[in-house]
């Protein structure tokens, strides 16, 4: 961990993950009790956000609430208390990490408030597959301890999705025969080998045009196919695009089926 900047209400650091070697940023916050003084914190966070293009986490005791239900007991939450904090988060493009266990993080046994939080930007998930804040049992402090949990989640293997509509295409059989000129005239043994492994690979029903011709996240194809597929997703009924659908389906099926030959 490398300290980059420190002020009265925050410490900004650059952290390198011990096992992956990936770098990210963490800003530890202790907000002032006075709203006028906390404005310096909001301005500092917005200044950091202007140049932040990597994973970033902001956490700590903000001494500020975000929602009317963030305080129980004492005076009701007023709009002037919430607005500066909310505007800062919006300008910084930060959102609260999911959390579990107690809602209120501070109490004097008369008033209960939620002033301790963890916020992350969208790039945070480029480093961590999963992230949540665990509020631990209270101890001697009037604050509840927070633990930022980032367990490693195994990524499932990509699945090969077969669309049954391909088989119903009148050009399906001639296309398969053209793909395997060195094989016998009958292509069905090759397809049978594929179907025998469908239970291991996974399958999907026919994909309608308004969902795109293929799932670009699960299938690696020639990049030249991507723009046309996305065009179908945006305008599935466009007259100028529909004549191209058969050609696109042929090229997709050829690229998918070749590894099974």
C-alpha atoms as a PDB file:
ATOM      1  CA  UNK A   1       0.000   0.000   0.000  1.00  0.00           C
ATOM      2  CA  UNK A   2       1.288   3.397  -1.033  1.00  0.00           C
ATOM      3  CA  UNK A   3      -0.025   6.576   0.557  1.00  0.00           C
ATOM      4  CA  UNK A   4      -0.655   9.174  -2.128  1.00  0.00           C
ATOM      5  CA  UNK A   5      -2.325  11.998  -0.248  1.00  0.00           C
ATOM      6  CA  UNK A   6      -3.483  12.705   3.274  1.00  0.00           C
ATOM      7  CA  UNK A   7      -5.708  15.426   4.672  1.00  0.00           C
ATOM      8  CA  UNK A   8      -7.696  16.011   7.839  1.00  0.00           C
ATOM      9  CA  UNK A   9     -10.701  13.983   6.611  1.00  0.00           C
ATOM     10  CA  UNK A  10      -9.227  11.313   4.339  1.00  0.00           C
ATOM     11  CA  UNK A  11      -6.194   9.250   3.338  1.00  0.00           C
ATOM     12  CA  UNK A  12      -5.888   8.318  -0.340  1.00  0.00           C
ATOM     13  CA  UNK A  13      -3.813   5.220  -1.185  1.00  0.00           C
ATOM     14  CA  UNK A  14      -2.764   3.038  -4.090  1.00  0.00           C
ATOM     15  CA  UNK A  15      -2.877  -0.675  -3.311  1.00  0.00           C
ATOM     16  CA  UNK A  16      -1.366  -3.624  -5.176  1.00  0.00           C
ATOM     17  CA  UNK A  17      -3.079  -6.968  -4.734  1.00  0.00           C
ATOM     18  CA  UNK A  18      -0.666  -9.438  -3.163  1.00  0.00           C
ATOM     19  CA  UNK A  19      -1.664 -12.425  -5.305  1.00  0.00           C
ATOM     20  CA  UNK A  20      -2.850 -10.987  -8.636  1.00  0.00           C
ATOM     21  CA  UNK A  21      -0.519  -7.993  -8.809  1.00  0.00           C
ATOM     22  CA  UNK A  22      -3.410  -5.762  -9.926  1.00  0.00           C
ATOM     23  CA  UNK A  23      -3.522  -2.205  -8.606  1.00  0.00           C
ATOM     24  CA  UNK A  24      -6.498  -0.285  -7.271  1.00  0.00           C
ATOM     25  CA  UNK A  25      -7.182   2.775  -5.121  1.00  0.00           C
ATOM     26  CA  UNK A  26      -8.724   3.120  -1.665  1.00  0.00           C
ATOM     27  CA  UNK A  27      -9.692   6.332   0.094  1.00  0.00           C
ATOM     28  CA  UNK A  28     -10.219   6.040   3.847  1.00  0.00           C
ATOM     29  CA  UNK A  29     -12.639   8.659   5.155  1.00  0.00           C
ATOM     30  CA  UNK A  30     -13.365  10.225   8.528  1.00  0.00           C
ATOM     31  CA  UNK A  31     -15.846  13.013   7.868  1.00  0.00           C
ATOM     32  CA  UNK A  32     -16.068  16.066  10.081  1.00  0.00           C
ATOM     33  CA  UNK A  33     -19.032  16.532  12.391  1.00  0.00           C
ATOM     34  CA  UNK A  34     -19.843  19.963  10.963  1.00  0.00           C
ATOM     35  CA  UNK A  35     -21.538  20.124   7.574  1.00  0.00           C
ATOM     36  CA  UNK A  36     -19.568  23.208   6.545  1.00  0.00           C
ATOM     37  CA  UNK A  37     -16.287  21.404   7.173  1.00  0.00           C
ATOM     38  CA  UNK A  38     -17.445  18.255   5.372  1.00  0.00           C
ATOM     39  CA  UNK A  39     -17.733  20.292   2.181  1.00  0.00           C
ATOM     40  CA  UNK A  40     -13.940  20.131   1.989  1.00  0.00           C
ATOM     41  CA  UNK A  41     -14.215  16.324   1.946  1.00  0.00           C
ATOM     42  CA  UNK A  42     -16.798  16.306  -0.857  1.00  0.00           C
ATOM     43  CA  UNK A  43     -14.647  18.658  -2.933  1.00  0.00           C
ATOM     44  CA  UNK A  44     -11.555  16.528  -2.360  1.00  0.00           C
ATOM     45  CA  UNK A  45     -13.335  13.327  -3.437  1.00  0.00           C
ATOM     46  CA  UNK A  46     -14.646  15.015  -6.568  1.00  0.00           C
ATOM     47  CA  UNK A  47     -11.130  16.197  -7.355  1.00  0.00           C
ATOM     48  CA  UNK A  48      -9.800  12.642  -7.044  1.00  0.00           C
ATOM     49  CA  UNK A  49     -12.611  11.323  -9.231  1.00  0.00           C
ATOM     50  CA  UNK A  50     -11.724  13.678 -12.083  1.00  0.00           C
ATOM     51  CA  UNK A  51      -8.514  11.747 -12.775  1.00  0.00           C
ATOM     52  CA  UNK A  52      -9.620   8.311 -11.565  1.00  0.00           C
ATOM     53  CA  UNK A  53      -9.586   5.753 -14.377  1.00  0.00           C
ATOM     54  CA  UNK A  54      -8.941   2.623 -12.319  1.00  0.00           C
ATOM     55  CA  UNK A  55     -10.739   0.616  -9.630  1.00  0.00           C
ATOM     56  CA  UNK A  56     -11.559   2.860  -6.659  1.00  0.00           C
ATOM     57  CA  UNK A  57     -13.101   2.263  -3.247  1.00  0.00           C
ATOM     58  CA  UNK A  58     -14.113   4.960  -0.751  1.00  0.00           C
ATOM     59  CA  UNK A  59     -14.985   3.797   2.740  1.00  0.00           C
ATOM     60  CA  UNK A  60     -15.176   4.905   6.344  1.00  0.00           C
ATOM     61  CA  UNK A  61     -17.134   7.116   8.711  1.00  0.00           C
ATOM     62  CA  UNK A  62     -18.690   9.878   6.615  1.00  0.00           C
ATOM     63  CA  UNK A  63     -20.611  11.445   9.526  1.00  0.00           C
ATOM     64  CA  UNK A  64     -23.403  12.027   7.006  1.00  0.00           C
ATOM     65  CA  UNK A  65     -26.603  10.251   6.058  1.00  0.00           C
ATOM     66  CA  UNK A  66     -28.039   9.520   2.624  1.00  0.00           C
ATOM     67  CA  UNK A  67     -31.686   8.570   3.216  1.00  0.00           C
ATOM     68  CA  UNK A  68     -34.456   9.534   5.666  1.00  0.00           C
ATOM     69  CA  UNK A  69     -34.327   6.061   7.238  1.00  0.00           C
ATOM     70  CA  UNK A  70     -30.606   6.413   8.012  1.00  0.00           C
ATOM     71  CA  UNK A  71     -31.374   7.862  11.444  1.00  0.00           C
ATOM     72  CA  UNK A  72     -33.686   6.515  14.106  1.00  0.00           C
ATOM     73  CA  UNK A  73     -34.256   8.607  17.181  1.00  0.00           C
ATOM     74  CA  UNK A  74     -33.320  12.257  17.558  1.00  0.00           C
ATOM     75  CA  UNK A  75     -34.279  14.739  14.856  1.00  0.00           C
ATOM     76  CA  UNK A  76     -35.625  13.650  11.496  1.00  0.00           C
ATOM     77  CA  UNK A  77     -33.268  13.624   8.512  1.00  0.00           C
ATOM     78  CA  UNK A  78     -33.538  16.870   6.553  1.00  0.00           C
ATOM     79  CA  UNK A  79     -32.936  17.398   2.852  1.00  0.00           C
ATOM     80  CA  UNK A  80     -30.028  19.795   3.434  1.00  0.00           C
ATOM     81  CA  UNK A  81     -28.201  16.997   5.270  1.00  0.00           C
ATOM     82  CA  UNK A  82     -28.523  14.550   2.397  1.00  0.00           C
ATOM     83  CA  UNK A  83     -28.051  16.697  -0.699  1.00  0.00           C
ATOM     84  CA  UNK A  84     -24.282  17.482  -0.547  1.00  0.00           C
ATOM     85  CA  UNK A  85     -23.361  13.838   0.119  1.00  0.00           C
ATOM     86  CA  UNK A  86     -25.607  12.547  -2.645  1.00  0.00           C
ATOM     87  CA  UNK A  87     -24.326  15.101  -5.152  1.00  0.00           C
ATOM     88  CA  UNK A  88     -20.744  14.136  -4.331  1.00  0.00           C
ATOM     89  CA  UNK A  89     -21.434  10.431  -4.970  1.00  0.00           C
ATOM     90  CA  UNK A  90     -23.166  11.253  -8.243  1.00  0.00           C
ATOM     91  CA  UNK A  91     -20.313  13.447  -9.444  1.00  0.00           C
ATOM     92  CA  UNK A  92     -17.751  10.803  -8.440  1.00  0.00           C
ATOM     93  CA  UNK A  93     -19.774   8.006 -10.099  1.00  0.00           C
ATOM     94  CA  UNK A  94     -19.663   5.948  -6.917  1.00  0.00           C
ATOM     95  CA  UNK A  95     -22.283   3.515  -5.702  1.00  0.00           C
ATOM     96  CA  UNK A  96     -22.642   1.708  -2.403  1.00  0.00           C
ATOM     97  CA  UNK A  97     -21.334  -1.844  -2.262  1.00  0.00           C
ATOM     98  CA  UNK A  98     -23.838  -4.470  -1.259  1.00  0.00           C
ATOM     99  CA  UNK A  99     -23.844  -5.211   2.457  1.00  0.00           C
ATOM    100  CA  UNK A 100     -25.143  -7.667   5.033  1.00  0.00           C
ATOM    101  CA  UNK A 101     -26.172  -7.705   8.681  1.00  0.00           C
ATOM    102  CA  UNK A 102     -27.003  -4.600  10.757  1.00  0.00           C
ATOM    103  CA  UNK A 103     -28.291  -1.510   8.990  1.00  0.00           C
ATOM    104  CA  UNK A 104     -27.283   1.102  11.565  1.00  0.00           C
ATOM    105  CA  UNK A 105     -23.561   1.490  12.090  1.00  0.00           C
ATOM    106  CA  UNK A 106     -23.388   3.929  15.035  1.00  0.00           C
ATOM    107  CA  UNK A 107     -25.375   4.408  18.218  1.00  0.00           C
ATOM    108  CA  UNK A 108     -25.229   6.103  21.577  1.00  0.00           C
ATOM    109  CA  UNK A 109     -28.136   3.925  22.749  1.00  0.00           C
ATOM    110  CA  UNK A 110     -30.504   6.834  22.096  1.00  0.00           C
ATOM    111  CA  UNK A 111     -29.922   7.542  18.419  1.00  0.00           C
ATOM    112  CA  UNK A 112     -29.071   4.978  15.742  1.00  0.00           C
ATOM    113  CA  UNK A 113     -27.585   6.146  12.431  1.00  0.00           C
ATOM    114  CA  UNK A 114     -26.009   4.723   9.306  1.00  0.00           C
ATOM    115  CA  UNK A 115     -22.917   6.844   8.732  1.00  0.00           C
ATOM    116  CA  UNK A 116     -20.292   4.164   7.963  1.00  0.00           C
ATOM    117  CA  UNK A 117     -20.368   2.987   4.372  1.00  0.00           C
ATOM    118  CA  UNK A 118     -18.359   1.509   1.494  1.00  0.00           C
ATOM    119  CA  UNK A 119     -18.602   2.918  -2.038  1.00  0.00           C
ATOM    120  CA  UNK A 120     -17.016   1.613  -5.238  1.00  0.00           C
ATOM    121  CA  UNK A 121     -16.829   2.679  -8.874  1.00  0.00           C
ATOM    122  CA  UNK A 122     -17.775   0.501 -11.830  1.00  0.00           C
ATOM    123  CA  UNK A 123     -14.138  -0.423 -12.525  1.00  0.00           C
ATOM    124  CA  UNK A 124     -13.919  -2.144  -9.144  1.00  0.00           C
ATOM    125  CA  UNK A 125     -15.324  -5.346 -10.643  1.00  0.00           C
ATOM    126  CA  UNK A 126     -12.443  -5.482 -13.100  1.00  0.00           C
ATOM    127  CA  UNK A 127     -10.334  -6.436 -10.080  1.00  0.00           C
ATOM    128  CA  UNK A 128     -12.782  -8.353  -7.919  1.00  0.00           C
ATOM    129  CA  UNK A 129     -15.448 -10.792  -9.090  1.00  0.00           C
ATOM    130  CA  UNK A 130     -17.573 -10.179  -6.013  1.00  0.00           C
ATOM    131  CA  UNK A 131     -17.619  -7.547  -3.275  1.00  0.00           C
ATOM    132  CA  UNK A 132     -19.747  -6.921  -0.198  1.00  0.00           C
ATOM    133  CA  UNK A 133     -19.516  -5.125   3.130  1.00  0.00           C
ATOM    134  CA  UNK A 134     -19.969  -7.191   6.278  1.00  0.00           C
ATOM    135  CA  UNK A 135     -20.997  -5.238   9.377  1.00  0.00           C
ATOM    136  CA  UNK A 136     -19.524  -7.180  12.278  1.00  0.00           C
ATOM    137  CA  UNK A 137     -20.786  -7.473  15.872  1.00  0.00           C
ATOM    138  CA  UNK A 138     -20.264  -4.322  17.912  1.00  0.00           C
ATOM    139  CA  UNK A 139     -17.447  -4.124  20.431  1.00  0.00           C
ATOM    140  CA  UNK A 140     -16.265  -1.376  22.787  1.00  0.00           C
ATOM    141  CA  UNK A 141     -16.633   1.291  20.091  1.00  0.00           C
ATOM    142  CA  UNK A 142     -19.882   3.083  19.390  1.00  0.00           C
ATOM    143  CA  UNK A 143     -19.273   2.213  15.718  1.00  0.00           C
ATOM    144  CA  UNK A 144     -19.877  -1.224  14.218  1.00  0.00           C
ATOM    145  CA  UNK A 145     -16.735  -2.612  12.498  1.00  0.00           C
ATOM    146  CA  UNK A 146     -16.878  -3.016   8.721  1.00  0.00           C
ATOM    147  CA  UNK A 147     -15.161  -5.783   6.749  1.00  0.00           C
ATOM    148  CA  UNK A 148     -14.859  -5.501   2.967  1.00  0.00           C
ATOM    149  CA  UNK A 149     -15.184  -9.043   1.627  1.00  0.00           C
ATOM    150  CA  UNK A 150     -13.829  -9.852  -1.849  1.00  0.00           C
ATOM    151  CA  UNK A 151     -13.966 -13.650  -2.207  1.00  0.00           C
ATOM    152  CA  UNK A 152     -12.773 -15.212  -5.434  1.00  0.00           C
ATOM    153  CA  UNK A 153     -15.645 -16.540  -7.513  1.00  0.00           C
ATOM    154  CA  UNK A 154     -14.836 -19.236 -10.094  1.00  0.00           C
ATOM    155  CA  UNK A 155     -15.797 -18.205 -13.609  1.00  0.00           C
ATOM    156  CA  UNK A 156     -17.837 -20.924 -15.355  1.00  0.00           C
ATOM    157  CA  UNK A 157     -16.595 -22.120 -18.742  1.00  0.00           C
ATOM    158  CA  UNK A 158     -18.154 -20.619 -21.815  1.00  0.00           C
ATOM    159  CA  UNK A 159     -20.970 -22.716 -23.275  1.00  0.00           C
ATOM    160  CA  UNK A 160     -21.640 -23.616 -26.885  1.00  0.00           C
ATOM    161  CA  UNK A 161     -25.248 -22.703 -27.706  1.00  0.00           C
ATOM    162  CA  UNK A 162     -26.936 -24.567 -30.527  1.00  0.00           C
ATOM    163  CA  UNK A 163     -30.045 -23.012 -32.115  1.00  0.00           C
ATOM    164  CA  UNK A 164     -32.607 -25.561 -33.262  1.00  0.00           C
ATOM    165  CA  UNK A 165     -33.808 -23.131 -35.946  1.00  0.00           C
ATOM    166  CA  UNK A 166     -30.633 -23.887 -37.906  1.00  0.00           C
ATOM    167  CA  UNK A 167     -31.839 -27.425 -38.596  1.00  0.00           C
ATOM    168  CA  UNK A 168     -35.121 -26.116 -40.011  1.00  0.00           C
ATOM    169  CA  UNK A 169     -33.344 -23.971 -42.581  1.00  0.00           C
ATOM    170  CA  UNK A 170     -33.739 -25.506 -46.089  1.00  0.00           C
ATOM    171  CA  UNK A 171     -30.077 -24.786 -46.834  1.00  0.00           C
ATOM    172  CA  UNK A 172     -28.869 -26.428 -43.638  1.00  0.00           C
ATOM    173  CA  UNK A 173     -27.886 -29.824 -45.104  1.00  0.00           C
ATOM    174  CA  UNK A 174     -26.159 -28.452 -48.243  1.00  0.00           C
ATOM    175  CA  UNK A 175     -24.259 -25.996 -46.077  1.00  0.00           C
ATOM    176  CA  UNK A 176     -23.001 -28.764 -43.797  1.00  0.00           C
ATOM    177  CA  UNK A 177     -21.943 -30.849 -46.750  1.00  0.00           C
ATOM    178  CA  UNK A 178     -20.027 -27.890 -48.167  1.00  0.00           C
ATOM    179  CA  UNK A 179     -18.197 -27.409 -44.887  1.00  0.00           C
ATOM    180  CA  UNK A 180     -16.799 -30.939 -44.876  1.00  0.00           C
ATOM    181  CA  UNK A 181     -15.763 -31.750 -48.428  1.00  0.00           C
ATOM    182  CA  UNK A 182     -13.323 -34.399 -47.250  1.00  0.00           C
ATOM    183  CA  UNK A 183     -15.956 -36.317 -45.309  1.00  0.00           C
ATOM    184  CA  UNK A 184     -18.691 -38.622 -46.478  1.00  0.00           C
ATOM    185  CA  UNK A 185     -21.745 -37.133 -48.116  1.00  0.00           C
ATOM    186  CA  UNK A 186     -23.787 -37.772 -44.988  1.00  0.00           C
ATOM    187  CA  UNK A 187     -22.862 -35.109 -42.344  1.00  0.00           C
ATOM    188  CA  UNK A 188     -25.056 -36.540 -39.623  1.00  0.00           C
ATOM    189  CA  UNK A 189     -22.319 -38.626 -37.920  1.00  0.00           C
ATOM    190  CA  UNK A 190     -20.518 -35.368 -37.179  1.00  0.00           C
ATOM    191  CA  UNK A 191     -23.696 -33.849 -35.787  1.00  0.00           C
ATOM    192  CA  UNK A 192     -24.337 -36.985 -33.769  1.00  0.00           C
ATOM    193  CA  UNK A 193     -20.950 -36.636 -32.091  1.00  0.00           C
ATOM    194  CA  UNK A 194     -21.907 -33.110 -31.171  1.00  0.00           C
ATOM    195  CA  UNK A 195     -25.329 -34.078 -29.833  1.00  0.00           C
ATOM    196  CA  UNK A 196     -23.789 -36.851 -27.752  1.00  0.00           C
ATOM    197  CA  UNK A 197     -21.915 -34.178 -25.805  1.00  0.00           C
ATOM    198  CA  UNK A 198     -24.704 -31.609 -25.554  1.00  0.00           C
ATOM    199  CA  UNK A 199     -25.410 -32.606 -21.964  1.00  0.00           C
ATOM    200  CA  UNK A 200     -21.815 -31.714 -21.071  1.00  0.00           C
ATOM    201  CA  UNK A 201     -21.635 -28.527 -23.085  1.00  0.00           C
ATOM    202  CA  UNK A 202     -25.091 -27.106 -22.538  1.00  0.00           C
ATOM    203  CA  UNK A 203     -27.716 -26.044 -25.001  1.00  0.00           C
ATOM    204  CA  UNK A 204     -30.107 -23.173 -25.550  1.00  0.00           C
ATOM    205  CA  UNK A 205     -33.443 -22.802 -27.333  1.00  0.00           C
ATOM    206  CA  UNK A 206     -33.793 -20.932 -30.567  1.00  0.00           C
ATOM    207  CA  UNK A 207     -32.674 -17.319 -30.161  1.00  0.00           C
ATOM    208  CA  UNK A 208     -35.276 -14.860 -31.523  1.00  0.00           C
ATOM    209  CA  UNK A 209     -34.161 -12.065 -33.803  1.00  0.00           C
ATOM    210  CA  UNK A 210     -34.827  -9.407 -31.199  1.00  0.00           C
ATOM    211  CA  UNK A 211     -32.231 -11.086 -28.970  1.00  0.00           C
ATOM    212  CA  UNK A 212     -29.606 -11.045 -31.706  1.00  0.00           C
ATOM    213  CA  UNK A 213     -28.431 -13.861 -33.955  1.00  0.00           C
ATOM    214  CA  UNK A 214     -25.860 -15.075 -31.486  1.00  0.00           C
ATOM    215  CA  UNK A 215     -24.608 -14.282 -27.989  1.00  0.00           C
ATOM    216  CA  UNK A 216     -21.369 -12.365 -28.424  1.00  0.00           C
ATOM    217  CA  UNK A 217     -20.455 -12.944 -24.772  1.00  0.00           C
ATOM    218  CA  UNK A 218     -20.504 -16.730 -25.093  1.00  0.00           C
ATOM    219  CA  UNK A 219     -19.247 -17.302 -28.622  1.00  0.00           C
ATOM    220  CA  UNK A 220     -15.964 -16.189 -30.111  1.00  0.00           C
ATOM    221  CA  UNK A 221     -16.462 -15.462 -33.816  1.00  0.00           C
ATOM    222  CA  UNK A 222     -14.910 -13.426 -36.546  1.00  0.00           C
ATOM    223  CA  UNK A 223     -15.198  -9.768 -35.445  1.00  0.00           C
ATOM    224  CA  UNK A 224     -16.702  -8.900 -38.827  1.00  0.00           C
ATOM    225  CA  UNK A 225     -19.920 -10.638 -37.714  1.00  0.00           C
ATOM    226  CA  UNK A 226     -20.401  -8.494 -34.623  1.00  0.00           C
ATOM    227  CA  UNK A 227     -21.685  -5.234 -36.195  1.00  0.00           C
ATOM    228  CA  UNK A 228     -24.395  -7.043 -38.152  1.00  0.00           C
ATOM    229  CA  UNK A 229     -25.492  -9.021 -35.118  1.00  0.00           C
ATOM    230  CA  UNK A 230     -25.749  -5.870 -33.014  1.00  0.00           C
ATOM    231  CA  UNK A 231     -27.734  -4.240 -35.805  1.00  0.00           C
ATOM    232  CA  UNK A 232     -30.260  -7.083 -35.573  1.00  0.00           C
ATOM    233  CA  UNK A 233     -30.449  -6.598 -31.817  1.00  0.00           C
ATOM    234  CA  UNK A 234     -31.269  -2.906 -32.212  1.00  0.00           C
ATOM    235  CA  UNK A 235     -33.633  -3.179 -35.201  1.00  0.00           C
ATOM    236  CA  UNK A 236     -34.768  -6.800 -35.599  1.00  0.00           C
ATOM    237  CA  UNK A 237     -37.537  -5.946 -38.076  1.00  0.00           C
ATOM    238  CA  UNK A 238     -35.563  -3.609 -40.317  1.00  0.00           C
ATOM    239  CA  UNK A 239     -36.337  -4.578 -43.985  1.00  0.00           C
ATOM    240  CA  UNK A 240     -32.781  -3.824 -45.084  1.00  0.00           C
ATOM    241  CA  UNK A 241     -31.327  -6.227 -42.524  1.00  0.00           C
ATOM    242  CA  UNK A 242     -33.605  -9.244 -42.820  1.00  0.00           C
ATOM    243  CA  UNK A 243     -32.222 -10.454 -46.207  1.00  0.00           C
ATOM    244  CA  UNK A 244     -28.817 -10.700 -44.553  1.00  0.00           C
ATOM    245  CA  UNK A 245     -30.029 -12.931 -41.720  1.00  0.00           C
ATOM    246  CA  UNK A 246     -29.716 -16.221 -43.614  1.00  0.00           C
ATOM    247  CA  UNK A 247     -26.166 -15.447 -44.735  1.00  0.00           C
ATOM    248  CA  UNK A 248     -25.220 -14.462 -41.205  1.00  0.00           C
ATOM    249  CA  UNK A 249     -26.706 -17.638 -39.731  1.00  0.00           C
ATOM    250  CA  UNK A 250     -24.761 -19.732 -42.240  1.00  0.00           C
ATOM    251  CA  UNK A 251     -21.458 -18.093 -41.408  1.00  0.00           C
ATOM    252  CA  UNK A 252     -22.099 -18.391 -37.680  1.00  0.00           C
ATOM    253  CA  UNK A 253     -22.992 -22.063 -37.909  1.00  0.00           C
ATOM    254  CA  UNK A 254     -19.942 -22.834 -40.046  1.00  0.00           C
ATOM    255  CA  UNK A 255     -17.624 -21.145 -37.540  1.00  0.00           C
ATOM    256  CA  UNK A 256     -19.252 -22.949 -34.623  1.00  0.00           C
ATOM    257  CA  UNK A 257     -19.370 -26.397 -36.149  1.00  0.00           C
ATOM    258  CA  UNK A 258     -15.851 -26.614 -37.576  1.00  0.00           C
ATOM    259  CA  UNK A 259     -14.206 -27.615 -34.240  1.00  0.00           C
ATOM    260  CA  UNK A 260     -16.485 -30.662 -34.086  1.00  0.00           C
ATOM    261  CA  UNK A 261     -15.402 -32.086 -37.405  1.00  0.00           C
END
